[in-house]
Amino acid sequence: MSGRMSRQKGKRFEREVAALFRAAGYDAIRGVQYEGGSESPDVRVKGLPIHIEAKAVESLNIWAALAQAQGDAAVGKAAVVVFKRNRSGVNVAMSWEDFDFLMKWQYDNGTKTGAA
């Protein structure tokens, strides 16, 4: 896949991830187009302390993707990698520490818990 096609695929997936968050009731937008820079998340979700890297690739190096998200995440934000490959579902990866942080944050803030 050419560089341009790969970037377009990435942008489409970022929009898909934002749409998934909106469908779950969150205010989400593609982050890069509004903030710019290498440290801005691929998707911004208003009110949630997360830094999202979206990856739509056939062969993902999950460790490198997690390292990128962790390196780019601001202090107080959980690093989250949302990923998929062709003809498969969307998956999420994060460190245990970030997962624990999000669970405690959700409990402390009494925020939306999702479908029961």
Protein backbone atom coordinates (compact mmCIF):
# COMPACT_ATOMS: atom_id res chain seq x y z
CA MET A 1 0.00 0.00 0.00
CA SER A 2 1.36 3.43 -0.92
CA GLY A 3 2.09 6.05 1.71
CA ARG A 4 -0.89 8.16 0.68
CA MET A 5 -3.30 5.22 0.75
CA SER A 6 -1.94 4.15 4.13
CA ARG A 7 -2.51 7.64 5.58
CA GLN A 8 -6.04 7.68 4.17
CA LYS A 9 -6.72 4.28 5.75
CA GLY A 10 -5.41 5.61 9.07
CA LYS A 11 -7.64 8.69 8.88
CA ARG A 12 -10.68 6.54 8.08
CA PHE A 13 -9.97 4.36 11.10
CA GLU A 14 -9.53 7.41 13.34
CA ARG A 15 -12.96 8.61 12.20
CA GLU A 16 -14.35 5.09 12.84
CA VAL A 17 -12.94 5.08 16.39
CA ALA A 18 -14.40 8.54 17.07
CA ALA A 19 -17.76 7.30 15.77
CA LEU A 20 -17.60 4.28 18.09
CA PHE A 21 -17.13 6.59 21.08
CA ARG A 22 -19.96 8.86 19.90
CA ALA A 23 -22.25 5.83 19.49
CA ALA A 24 -21.46 4.98 23.13
CA GLY A 25 -22.55 8.48 24.16
CA TYR A 26 -19.20 10.28 24.38
CA ASP A 27 -18.15 13.50 22.66
CA ALA A 28 -15.29 12.37 20.40
CA ILE A 29 -13.42 13.82 17.43
CA ARG A 30 -10.31 13.04 15.43
CA GLY A 31 -7.57 14.67 17.44
CA VAL A 32 -4.80 15.37 14.96
CA GLN A 33 -6.83 17.60 12.69
CA TYR A 34 -7.71 19.90 15.59
CA GLU A 35 -4.47 19.91 17.61
CA GLY A 36 -1.64 18.84 15.35
CA GLY A 37 1.77 17.75 16.48
CA SER A 38 3.20 14.34 17.24
CA GLU A 39 1.92 14.31 20.83
CA SER A 40 -1.74 14.92 20.06
CA PRO A 41 -3.96 11.83 20.28
CA ASP A 42 -5.46 10.31 17.16
CA VAL A 43 -8.90 10.58 18.79
CA ARG A 44 -9.97 13.00 21.52
CA VAL A 45 -12.75 11.98 23.89
CA LYS A 46 -14.03 14.92 25.91
CA GLY A 47 -14.09 14.30 29.64
CA LEU A 48 -12.04 11.08 29.66
CA PRO A 49 -8.39 11.03 30.76
CA ILE A 50 -7.13 8.94 27.83
CA HIS A 51 -4.61 9.32 25.03
CA ILE A 52 -5.72 7.24 22.03
CA GLU A 53 -3.47 5.92 19.29
CA ALA A 54 -5.50 4.34 16.48
CA LYS A 55 -3.78 1.70 14.32
CA ALA A 56 -5.32 0.02 11.26
CA VAL A 57 -2.60 -2.36 10.05
CA GLU A 58 -2.30 -6.02 9.18
CA SER A 59 0.84 -6.66 11.24
CA LEU A 60 0.86 -4.45 14.31
CA ASN A 61 3.83 -4.39 16.64
CA ILE A 62 1.67 -3.91 19.73
CA TRP A 63 4.69 -3.22 21.95
CA ALA A 64 5.84 -0.37 19.71
CA ALA A 65 2.29 0.99 19.51
CA LEU A 66 1.95 0.92 23.31
CA ALA A 67 5.35 2.59 23.70
CA GLN A 68 4.28 5.33 21.27
CA ALA A 69 1.01 5.93 23.13
CA GLN A 70 2.77 5.93 26.51
CA GLY A 71 5.46 8.29 25.26
CA ASP A 72 2.93 10.71 23.80
CA ALA A 73 0.36 10.63 26.63
CA ALA A 74 0.34 13.65 28.91
CA VAL A 75 0.67 13.19 32.67
CA GLY A 76 -2.67 12.06 34.07
CA LYS A 77 -3.82 10.40 30.84
CA ALA A 78 -4.03 6.66 30.22
CA ALA A 79 -2.29 5.47 27.05
CA VAL A 80 -4.71 3.43 24.92
CA VAL A 81 -4.09 1.69 21.59
CA VAL A 82 -7.20 0.99 19.52
CA PHE A 83 -6.40 -1.32 16.63
CA LYS A 84 -7.77 -3.55 13.91
CA ARG A 85 -6.75 -5.33 10.78
CA ASN A 86 -8.76 -5.86 7.61
CA ARG A 87 -12.02 -7.74 8.02
CA SER A 88 -11.76 -8.00 11.80
CA GLY A 89 -13.16 -6.28 14.84
CA VAL A 90 -11.76 -3.37 16.77
CA ASN A 91 -9.54 -4.16 19.77
CA VAL A 92 -8.06 -2.16 22.65
CA ALA A 93 -4.73 -2.55 24.47
CA MET A 94 -3.25 -0.73 27.44
CA SER A 95 -0.99 -1.42 30.37
CA TRP A 96 -2.42 -2.77 33.61
CA GLU A 97 -1.38 0.45 35.34
CA ASP A 98 -3.39 2.55 32.87
CA PHE A 99 -6.36 0.20 33.13
CA ASP A 100 -6.24 0.44 36.94
CA PHE A 101 -5.95 4.24 36.69
CA LEU A 102 -9.06 4.41 34.47
CA MET A 103 -11.08 2.14 36.75
CA LYS A 104 -10.21 4.25 39.80
CA TRP A 105 -10.85 7.47 37.88
CA GLN A 106 -14.26 6.22 36.78
CA TYR A 107 -15.16 5.17 40.31
CA ASP A 108 -13.98 8.46 41.83
CA ASN A 109 -15.77 10.58 39.23
CA GLY A 110 -19.00 8.58 38.99
CA THR A 111 -18.92 8.87 35.22
CA LYS A 112 -20.85 6.90 32.67
CA THR A 113 -20.35 3.17 33.11
CA GLY A 114 -21.67 2.04 29.74
CA ALA A 115 -24.31 -0.59 29.05
CA ALA A 116 -25.23 -2.86 31.92
